[in-house]
Amino acid sequence: MKHLKLIILLFFFSEVSAQTTIVKQDPRIEKMVKEVSSATIEANVRKLVSFGTRNTLSDTTSTTTGIGAAGHWIKNEFEKYGEASGGRLKVSYDTFIQPADGRRVLKDAVLKNIIAVLPGTDPNDNRIFIVSGHYDSRVSDVNNVTSTAPGAVDDASGTAVTLELARVMSQQKYHATIIFAALVGEEQGLYGSAHLAKRAKAEGWNVNAMITNDIVGNTYSSETDLKDNRSVRVFSEGVPALETQQEANIRNAVGGENDGKAREFARYVKEIGERYVDQLEVKLIYRRDRYLRGGDHSSFSKEGFSAVRVTEMNENFNHQHQDLRTENGIVYGDLPEFLDYNYIQKICRMNLAVLANIAEAPAEPQNVGVVTSDLTNNTTLKWDAPKSNKPAGYYILMRETTAPYWERKTFVTGTQVTVPYSKDNYFFAVQSVDAEGHESAIVFPKPMR
């Protein structure tokens, strides 16, 4: 969806009126999108590479090499952005002890995530949005803590995206809170994200959505000879990892296996990302992650949060998890010269548009349901208004059961609507929207009497 988009009108018959909807672009978001710098992203990737290795269990005392030096530099960068924000961006280590696991952590280790918190401006809005990359790296042997492990694409690219988002976005204010996180221990077993996700759950954080950017810098696959600098993958689970039996029963009864919170957020990423970033197609991959693989978003999924993974379209495995070497004229190793920094810039811009739009939007509608008290070929939707940052109205979303994305979007001002389409044949959802056109998270309805 580029520029202004005319959304198809649904003719609703109810006590509330429906209107043709023009989706707006926010000039402030457009301006921030343009401020994302490929040169800054490249400089940050190369700086992270300069630490030699960022293996999670590498040197923590040196000021020039190892995971400790890299983490200290990241924290200093966040703190610079904090100073430029007038002190609103709050930076800290998220420190924990990771017990030995006998496999990839051979002895107890003190590990440090670095988090930068940009508090929301609405004291009644407790939503939190998290964006991350992991700053650790590895070579062929994940327990090799001394060999050079540049980790340029995996995952200096995602860490550089997180840093650039913090740099640009911390200069503005949003209703909800945004957390920028550089996570540790991903290669050792998702330990940094697991710690932060468990902390979020234990402390009652209202994590509305989480994005991890992991491996977002390569555009060429030597195996397939494909080059693609216009597509990016977003992975999301359909069935929530943390689902009760009652929730599973409802999902099976209504056919909601493709409409978990993460899947709805992935659709949101596609719509808003493509609205603001030209020459970028967001490809929704209907898996939690790549085949038999995992990432930091999985830790948040396991705690019941909505989380997605952003990854380049064509991974080049000559430049991931490899010892530095040249064999038969082929250079192996995750080196910064193989990255496309203009491509990373587009992915960073996509992240920014999504986070700014949703953090500025009202909270999502509550208790959204499809009324099932009568057998009818119409569909009645009901919901409650969010308690904070009251919306100007709501979008009713509709798609055919075989459609991957929401196809129709109509604005209404009430909290109940009846449409002349059967719930047997279509899926529906509801989201809040403010007067400037910022949309909330999408809510898939439950059956209600």
Protein backbone atom coordinates (compact mmCIF):
# COMPACT_ATOMS: atom_id res chain seq x y z
CA MET A 1 0.00 0.00 0.00
CA LYS A 2 1.78 3.11 -1.19
CA HIS A 3 0.70 6.70 -0.52
CA LEU A 4 -2.97 7.35 -0.01
CA LYS A 5 -5.10 4.27 -0.39
CA LEU A 6 -8.85 4.19 -0.91
CA ILE A 7 -10.32 1.39 1.16
CA ILE A 8 -13.33 -0.45 -0.24
CA LEU A 9 -16.60 0.55 1.37
CA LEU A 10 -18.72 -2.09 3.04
CA PHE A 11 -22.41 -1.25 3.28
CA PHE A 12 -23.27 -1.88 6.93
CA PHE A 13 -26.80 -2.00 8.26
CA SER A 14 -26.73 -1.06 11.94
CA GLU A 15 -27.27 1.75 14.39
CA VAL A 16 -23.84 3.13 13.47
CA SER A 17 -22.93 4.58 10.13
CA ALA A 18 -20.05 3.39 7.97
CA GLN A 19 -17.91 5.70 5.88
CA THR A 20 -15.51 5.40 3.00
CA THR A 21 -12.05 5.41 4.57
CA ILE A 22 -8.96 7.17 3.34
CA VAL A 23 -5.85 5.79 5.01
CA LYS A 24 -3.59 8.68 5.95
CA GLN A 25 0.14 9.03 6.09
CA ASP A 26 1.42 10.91 9.11
CA PRO A 27 3.87 13.64 8.03
CA ARG A 28 5.81 13.20 11.28
CA ILE A 29 6.32 9.49 10.58
CA GLU A 30 7.25 10.27 6.97
CA LYS A 31 9.90 12.68 8.23
CA MET A 32 11.36 10.14 10.67
CA VAL A 33 11.42 7.47 7.96
CA LYS A 34 13.55 9.77 5.81
CA GLU A 35 15.93 10.42 8.72
CA VAL A 36 17.00 6.76 8.87
CA SER A 37 20.58 6.75 7.55
CA SER A 38 22.24 3.90 5.67
CA ALA A 39 25.63 5.50 6.43
CA THR A 40 24.94 5.40 10.18
CA ILE A 41 23.75 1.82 9.95
CA GLU A 42 26.90 0.81 8.08
CA ALA A 43 29.14 2.62 10.59
CA ASN A 44 27.44 0.80 13.45
CA VAL A 45 27.78 -2.61 11.77
CA ARG A 46 31.47 -2.03 11.11
CA LYS A 47 32.02 -0.84 14.69
CA LEU A 48 30.42 -4.02 16.04
CA VAL A 49 32.58 -6.11 13.70
CA SER A 50 35.69 -4.30 14.99
CA PHE A 51 35.40 -6.03 18.38
CA GLY A 52 36.83 -9.17 16.80
CA THR A 53 34.45 -11.63 18.39
CA ARG A 54 31.18 -11.05 20.18
CA ASN A 55 30.74 -14.62 21.30
CA THR A 56 28.53 -14.51 24.39
CA LEU A 57 31.25 -16.18 26.49
CA SER A 58 34.18 -14.16 25.13
CA ASP A 59 36.24 -11.54 26.99
CA THR A 60 34.23 -9.27 29.26
CA THR A 61 37.11 -7.16 30.64
CA SER A 62 38.83 -5.80 27.52
CA THR A 63 37.87 -2.35 26.28
CA THR A 64 38.56 -3.23 22.65
CA THR A 65 37.62 -6.87 22.00
CA GLY A 66 34.96 -9.32 23.03
CA ILE A 67 31.36 -9.26 24.16
CA GLY A 68 32.05 -6.95 27.10
CA ALA A 69 33.55 -4.21 24.96
CA ALA A 70 30.74 -4.52 22.40
CA GLY A 71 28.07 -4.27 25.08
CA HIS A 72 29.74 -1.26 26.66
CA TRP A 73 29.87 0.51 23.28
CA ILE A 74 26.19 -0.22 22.59
CA LYS A 75 25.21 1.16 25.99
CA ASN A 76 27.24 4.31 25.34
CA GLU A 77 25.50 4.80 21.98
CA PHE A 78 22.07 4.46 23.59
CA GLU A 79 23.15 6.94 26.27
CA LYS A 80 24.16 9.47 23.61
CA TYR A 81 20.67 9.22 22.15
CA GLY A 82 19.30 9.58 25.66
CA GLU A 83 21.16 12.84 26.16
CA ALA A 84 19.88 14.11 22.80
CA SER A 85 16.34 13.20 23.86
CA GLY A 86 16.57 15.42 26.92
CA GLY A 87 16.94 12.42 29.20
CA ARG A 88 13.69 10.73 28.19
CA LEU A 89 15.43 7.61 26.81
CA LYS A 90 16.44 5.56 29.85
CA VAL A 91 19.36 3.15 29.33
CA SER A 92 20.44 0.24 31.50
CA TYR A 93 22.02 -3.19 31.55
CA ASP A 94 19.61 -6.06 32.05
CA THR A 95 22.07 -8.33 33.87
CA PHE A 96 21.53 -11.95 34.83
CA ILE A 97 23.44 -15.13 35.62
CA GLN A 98 23.07 -17.86 33.02
CA PRO A 99 23.69 -21.29 34.57
CA ALA A 100 25.83 -23.76 32.68
CA ASP A 101 23.79 -25.99 30.38
CA GLY A 102 26.54 -28.52 29.59
CA ARG A 103 26.19 -27.83 25.88
CA ARG A 104 26.68 -24.22 24.80
CA VAL A 105 27.27 -22.63 28.19
CA LEU A 106 29.99 -24.68 29.86
CA LYS A 107 30.13 -22.67 33.08
CA ASP A 108 27.92 -20.17 34.86
CA ALA A 109 28.17 -16.80 33.14
CA VAL A 110 27.12 -13.21 33.86
CA LEU A 111 25.28 -11.97 30.76
CA LYS A 112 24.03 -8.49 29.89
CA ASN A 113 21.23 -7.33 27.64
CA ILE A 114 21.23 -3.59 26.98
CA ILE A 115 17.84 -1.92 27.00
CA ALA A 116 16.80 1.65 26.23
CA VAL A 117 13.30 2.58 27.38
CA LEU A 118 11.39 5.48 25.81
CA PRO A 119 8.42 6.02 28.15
CA GLY A 120 5.03 6.81 26.69
CA THR A 121 3.45 10.19 27.34
CA ASP A 122 0.01 8.89 28.36
CA PRO A 123 0.07 7.75 32.01
CA ASN A 124 -3.09 5.71 31.39
CA ASP A 125 -1.59 3.84 28.44
CA ASN A 126 0.55 0.95 29.71
CA ARG A 127 1.24 -0.64 26.32
CA ILE A 128 4.86 -1.56 25.61
CA PHE A 129 6.42 -2.28 22.23
CA ILE A 130 9.82 -3.99 22.05
CA VAL A 131 12.23 -4.06 19.11
CA SER A 132 15.48 -6.01 19.28
CA GLY A 133 18.56 -7.40 17.59
CA HIS A 134 21.10 -9.73 19.21
CA TYR A 135 24.63 -8.43 19.53
CA ASP A 136 26.45 -11.73 20.12
CA SER A 137 28.15 -13.59 17.25
CA ARG A 138 29.73 -16.98 16.52
CA VAL A 139 31.85 -18.99 14.10
CA SER A 140 31.43 -22.63 13.03
CA ASP A 141 31.99 -23.92 16.58
CA VAL A 142 29.54 -22.07 18.80
CA ASN A 143 31.84 -22.62 21.79
CA ASN A 144 34.88 -21.06 20.10
CA VAL A 145 35.25 -17.86 22.11
CA THR A 146 38.55 -16.56 20.69
CA SER A 147 38.44 -16.82 16.87
CA THR A 148 37.35 -13.77 14.90
CA ALA A 149 33.56 -13.81 14.59
CA PRO A 150 32.52 -10.66 12.70
CA GLY A 151 28.78 -11.39 12.88
CA ALA A 152 28.02 -8.62 10.40
CA VAL A 153 24.69 -9.92 9.15
CA ASP A 154 24.05 -12.22 12.14
CA ASP A 155 23.29 -10.04 13.89
CA ALA A 156 25.15 -6.74 13.79
CA SER A 157 22.61 -5.88 11.09
CA GLY A 158 19.68 -6.26 13.49
CA THR A 159 21.53 -4.52 16.31
CA ALA A 160 22.36 -1.61 13.99
CA VAL A 161 18.67 -1.37 13.08
CA THR A 162 17.77 -1.21 16.78
CA LEU A 163 20.36 1.49 17.41
CA GLU A 164 19.21 3.56 14.46
CA LEU A 165 15.58 3.26 15.54
CA ALA A 166 16.54 4.50 18.99
CA ARG A 167 18.53 7.39 17.53
CA VAL A 168 15.70 8.66 15.35
CA MET A 169 12.63 7.74 17.39
CA SER A 170 13.90 9.02 20.74
CA GLN A 171 13.65 12.56 19.38
CA GLN A 172 9.84 12.25 19.30
CA LYS A 173 7.08 11.36 21.78
CA TYR A 174 4.48 8.60 21.62
CA HIS A 175 1.48 7.64 23.72
CA ALA A 176 2.86 4.16 24.48
CA THR A 177 6.30 3.00 25.65
CA ILE A 178 8.94 1.68 23.24
CA ILE A 179 11.87 -0.48 24.38
CA PHE A 180 14.95 -0.81 22.18
CA ALA A 181 16.89 -3.94 23.16
CA ALA A 182 20.29 -5.35 22.23
CA LEU A 183 20.08 -8.96 23.37
CA VAL A 184 22.85 -11.38 24.31
CA GLY A 185 23.12 -15.17 24.24
CA GLU A 186 21.02 -15.80 21.14
CA GLU A 187 23.56 -18.13 19.56
CA GLN A 188 24.00 -19.98 22.86
CA GLY A 189 20.29 -20.71 23.19
CA LEU A 190 18.13 -17.54 23.12
CA TYR A 191 19.17 -16.88 26.70
CA GLY A 192 19.06 -13.08 26.64
CA SER A 193 15.59 -12.91 25.13
CA ALA A 194 14.35 -15.69 27.43
CA HIS A 195 15.50 -13.68 30.45
CA LEU A 196 13.89 -10.44 29.23
CA ALA A 197 10.63 -12.15 28.25
CA LYS A 198 10.36 -13.89 31.64
CA ARG A 199 11.12 -10.59 33.37
CA ALA A 200 8.38 -8.90 31.34
CA LYS A 201 5.92 -11.60 32.31
CA ALA A 202 6.90 -11.58 36.01
CA GLU A 203 6.73 -7.78 36.25
CA GLY A 204 3.40 -7.57 34.44
CA TRP A 205 4.54 -5.63 31.41
CA ASN A 206 1.76 -5.12 28.88
CA VAL A 207 3.87 -6.09 25.86
CA ASN A 208 1.50 -5.35 23.01
CA ALA A 209 3.95 -6.55 20.34
CA MET A 210 7.61 -7.47 19.90
CA ILE A 211 9.79 -7.39 16.77
CA THR A 212 13.20 -8.98 16.46
CA ASN A 213 15.40 -8.10 13.49
CA ASP A 214 17.78 -11.00 12.95
CA ILE A 215 19.81 -11.40 9.73
CA VAL A 216 18.50 -8.41 7.78
CA GLY A 217 21.46 -7.31 5.64
CA ASN A 218 22.09 -9.73 2.79
CA THR A 219 20.37 -9.55 -0.60
CA TYR A 220 22.23 -12.21 -2.62
CA SER A 221 22.12 -16.00 -2.37
CA SER A 222 25.11 -17.70 -3.97
CA GLU A 223 23.29 -21.05 -3.92
CA THR A 224 20.31 -19.90 -5.98
CA ASP A 225 21.94 -16.92 -7.74
CA LEU A 226 18.99 -14.79 -6.61
CA LYS A 227 19.35 -11.14 -5.64
CA ASP A 228 16.43 -9.42 -3.95
CA ASN A 229 16.70 -6.01 -2.33
CA ARG A 230 12.96 -5.35 -2.44
CA SER A 231 11.55 -8.12 -0.23
CA VAL A 232 11.75 -8.94 3.45
CA ARG A 233 10.26 -11.85 5.38
CA VAL A 234 8.16 -11.56 8.52
CA PHE A 235 7.68 -14.82 10.42
CA SER A 236 4.75 -15.25 12.80
CA GLU A 237 2.96 -18.02 14.63
CA GLY A 238 -0.70 -18.67 13.85
CA VAL A 239 -1.53 -20.76 16.90
CA PRO A 240 -0.21 -19.13 20.09
CA ALA A 241 2.54 -21.05 21.85
CA LEU A 242 0.89 -20.33 25.19
CA GLU A 243 -2.69 -21.43 24.58
CA THR A 244 -5.12 -22.87 27.10
CA GLN A 245 -7.35 -25.81 26.27
CA GLN A 246 -10.37 -23.52 26.37
CA GLU A 247 -8.71 -21.16 23.89
CA ALA A 248 -7.82 -24.11 21.68
CA ASN A 249 -11.43 -25.29 21.74
CA ILE A 250 -12.66 -21.84 20.64
CA ARG A 251 -10.00 -21.63 17.95
CA ASN A 252 -11.00 -25.00 16.55
CA ALA A 253 -14.68 -24.09 16.64
CA VAL A 254 -14.32 -20.79 14.75
CA GLY A 255 -11.39 -21.68 12.47
CA GLY A 256 -8.98 -19.18 13.98
CA GLU A 257 -5.75 -21.10 13.46
CA ASN A 258 -4.49 -18.35 11.14
CA ASP A 259 -5.48 -15.44 13.36
CA GLY A 260 -3.38 -15.54 16.51
CA LYS A 261 -2.13 -12.23 17.87
CA ALA A 262 1.29 -12.61 16.24
CA ARG A 263 -0.24 -13.38 12.84
CA GLU A 264 -2.44 -10.28 13.11
CA PHE A 265 0.58 -8.20 14.03
CA ALA A 266 2.47 -9.57 11.02
CA ARG A 267 -0.38 -8.38 8.80
CA TYR A 268 -0.12 -5.00 10.53
CA VAL A 269 3.63 -4.89 9.80
CA LYS A 270 2.94 -5.53 6.13
CA GLU A 271 0.24 -2.89 5.81
CA ILE A 272 2.02 -0.09 7.65
CA GLY A 273 5.51 -0.96 6.40
CA GLU A 274 4.45 -0.87 2.78
CA ARG A 275 2.43 2.29 3.39
CA TYR A 276 5.58 4.25 4.27
CA VAL A 277 8.48 2.47 2.51
CA ASP A 278 8.66 2.41 -1.26
CA GLN A 279 10.20 -0.49 -3.17
CA LEU A 280 9.71 -2.90 -0.29
CA GLU A 281 7.36 -5.88 -0.22
CA VAL A 282 6.75 -7.47 3.14
CA LYS A 283 6.41 -11.23 2.66
CA LEU A 284 4.37 -12.89 5.39
CA ILE A 285 5.74 -16.33 6.18
CA TYR A 286 3.21 -18.42 8.05
CA ARG A 287 5.69 -20.10 10.37
CA ARG A 288 6.99 -19.07 13.77
CA ASP A 289 10.50 -19.12 12.29
CA ARG A 290 12.51 -20.73 9.53
CA TYR A 291 12.34 -24.51 9.14
CA LEU A 292 13.48 -26.11 12.45
CA ARG A 293 15.19 -22.88 13.49
CA GLY A 294 14.53 -20.28 16.16
CA GLY A 295 15.07 -16.68 17.17
CA ASP A 296 14.61 -14.25 20.03
CA HIS A 297 10.95 -13.58 19.25
CA SER A 298 10.24 -17.22 20.19
CA SER A 299 11.10 -16.44 23.81
CA PHE A 300 8.36 -13.81 23.90
CA SER A 301 5.90 -16.09 22.13
CA LYS A 302 6.45 -18.71 24.83
CA GLU A 303 5.46 -16.16 27.48
CA GLY A 304 2.22 -15.37 25.66
CA PHE A 305 3.27 -12.13 23.95
CA SER A 306 2.70 -11.23 20.31
CA ALA A 307 6.11 -11.48 18.61
CA VAL A 308 7.43 -11.66 15.05
CA ARG A 309 10.78 -12.14 13.35
CA VAL A 310 12.08 -9.93 10.50
CA THR A 311 14.67 -11.58 8.23
CA GLU A 312 16.14 -10.95 4.78
CA MET A 313 14.56 -12.74 1.84
CA ASN A 314 17.57 -14.77 0.71
CA GLU A 315 20.02 -15.92 3.36
CA ASN A 316 23.57 -16.62 2.25
CA PHE A 317 24.90 -19.45 4.38
CA ASN A 318 28.49 -18.88 3.24
CA HIS A 319 28.29 -15.79 5.44
CA GLN A 320 26.61 -17.21 8.55
CA HIS A 321 28.15 -19.26 11.38
CA GLN A 322 31.37 -19.73 9.39
CA ASP A 323 35.06 -19.67 10.26
CA LEU A 324 36.83 -17.00 8.22
CA ARG A 325 38.54 -18.72 5.27
CA THR A 326 38.77 -18.95 1.48
CA GLU A 327 38.21 -22.30 -0.20
CA ASN A 328 38.13 -22.90 -3.96
CA GLY A 329 37.93 -19.16 -4.50
CA ILE A 330 34.89 -18.79 -2.19
CA VAL A 331 35.15 -16.41 0.75
CA TYR A 332 33.45 -17.74 3.87
CA GLY A 333 32.61 -15.67 6.91
CA ASP A 334 30.11 -13.08 8.10
CA LEU A 335 31.96 -9.99 6.86
CA PRO A 336 30.59 -6.45 6.53
CA GLU A 337 31.47 -6.11 2.83
CA PHE A 338 28.75 -8.60 1.94
CA LEU A 339 25.92 -6.48 3.36
CA ASP A 340 23.60 -4.17 1.40
CA TYR A 341 23.23 -1.13 3.64
CA ASN A 342 20.54 0.55 1.55
CA TYR A 343 18.50 -2.62 2.00
CA ILE A 344 18.99 -2.54 5.78
CA GLN A 345 17.90 1.10 5.66
CA LYS A 346 14.59 0.08 4.08
CA ILE A 347 14.02 -2.59 6.71
CA CYS A 348 14.82 -0.10 9.46
CA ARG A 349 12.37 2.36 7.93
CA MET A 350 9.71 -0.35 7.88
CA ASN A 351 10.29 -1.02 11.59
CA LEU A 352 10.11 2.68 12.39
CA ALA A 353 6.84 3.23 10.53
CA VAL A 354 5.21 0.28 12.29
CA LEU A 355 6.42 1.19 15.78
CA ALA A 356 5.62 4.90 15.46
CA ASN A 357 2.17 4.25 14.03
CA ILE A 358 1.10 1.70 16.63
CA ALA A 359 2.69 3.47 19.62
CA GLU A 360 0.88 6.69 18.71
CA ALA A 361 -2.42 4.88 18.06
CA PRO A 362 -5.13 4.34 20.67
CA ALA A 363 -5.14 1.04 22.52
CA GLU A 364 -7.00 -1.77 20.81
CA PRO A 365 -10.73 -2.34 21.42
CA GLN A 366 -11.62 -4.67 24.29
CA ASN A 367 -13.88 -7.73 24.53
CA VAL A 368 -14.34 -7.96 20.77
CA GLY A 369 -16.87 -10.60 19.82
CA VAL A 370 -19.16 -12.03 17.17
CA VAL A 371 -22.71 -12.28 18.49
CA THR A 372 -24.00 -15.87 18.18
CA SER A 373 -27.38 -15.62 19.98
CA ASP A 374 -29.31 -16.10 16.71
CA LEU A 375 -28.80 -18.08 13.53
CA THR A 376 -28.46 -15.49 10.79
CA ASN A 377 -26.63 -14.81 7.55
CA ASN A 378 -25.67 -11.38 8.87
CA THR A 379 -22.76 -10.87 11.25
CA THR A 380 -22.95 -8.66 14.34
CA LEU A 381 -19.74 -7.48 15.98
CA LYS A 382 -19.60 -5.90 19.44
CA TRP A 383 -16.73 -4.52 21.51
CA ASP A 384 -15.83 -2.13 24.32
CA ALA A 385 -13.85 1.06 23.91
CA PRO A 386 -10.25 1.01 25.23
CA LYS A 387 -9.79 2.65 28.61
CA SER A 388 -6.96 4.97 27.55
CA ASN A 389 -6.42 7.39 24.67
CA LYS A 390 -9.98 7.18 23.38
CA PRO A 391 -10.19 6.52 19.62
CA ALA A 392 -12.00 8.62 17.05
CA GLY A 393 -13.57 5.40 15.79
CA TYR A 394 -12.84 1.86 14.68
CA TYR A 395 -11.97 -0.04 11.55
CA ILE A 396 -13.94 -3.16 10.74
CA LEU A 397 -11.65 -5.54 8.83
CA MET A 398 -12.94 -8.30 6.58
CA ARG A 399 -11.44 -10.99 4.37
CA GLU A 400 -12.43 -14.23 2.71
CA THR A 401 -11.36 -17.38 4.55
CA THR A 402 -8.73 -18.16 1.91
CA ALA A 403 -7.26 -14.64 1.83
CA PRO A 404 -3.87 -14.10 3.52
CA TYR A 405 -4.47 -10.40 4.28
CA TRP A 406 -7.38 -8.23 5.34
CA GLU A 407 -9.17 -7.17 2.16
CA ARG A 408 -11.68 -4.56 3.29
CA LYS A 409 -11.48 -1.87 5.91
CA THR A 410 -14.33 0.41 6.95
CA PHE A 411 -14.58 3.17 9.55
CA VAL A 412 -17.38 3.22 12.13
CA THR A 413 -17.92 5.34 15.23
CA GLY A 414 -19.98 3.07 17.47
CA THR A 415 -19.12 -0.13 19.32
CA GLN A 416 -21.56 -2.46 17.56
CA VAL A 417 -22.16 -3.12 13.89
CA THR A 418 -24.12 -5.62 11.79
CA VAL A 419 -22.88 -6.46 8.32
CA PRO A 420 -24.72 -8.36 5.56
CA TYR A 421 -22.00 -11.00 5.28
CA SER A 422 -22.04 -14.42 6.90
CA LYS A 423 -19.52 -15.27 9.60
CA ASP A 424 -19.51 -18.74 8.01
CA ASN A 425 -17.88 -17.35 4.87
CA TYR A 426 -15.70 -14.47 6.05
CA PHE A 427 -13.30 -13.54 8.82
CA PHE A 428 -13.67 -10.26 10.68
CA ALA A 429 -11.58 -8.17 13.07
CA VAL A 430 -11.67 -4.75 14.73
CA GLN A 431 -9.03 -2.10 15.49
CA SER A 432 -9.13 1.36 17.03
CA VAL A 433 -8.09 4.44 15.07
CA ASP A 434 -7.47 8.06 16.07
CA ALA A 435 -8.34 11.23 14.17
CA GLU A 436 -4.91 11.24 12.47
CA GLY A 437 -5.34 7.70 11.16
CA HIS A 438 -3.02 5.78 13.52
CA GLU A 439 -4.35 2.23 13.87
CA SER A 440 -4.14 0.01 16.94
CA ALA A 441 -3.33 -3.67 17.04
CA ILE A 442 -5.89 -5.87 15.27
CA VAL A 443 -8.27 -7.90 17.44
CA PHE A 444 -9.78 -11.14 16.15
CA PRO A 445 -13.23 -11.61 17.75
CA LYS A 446 -14.39 -14.42 19.98
CA PRO A 447 -17.92 -15.83 19.93
CA MET A 448 -20.29 -14.15 22.40
CA ARG A 449 -23.99 -14.45 23.23
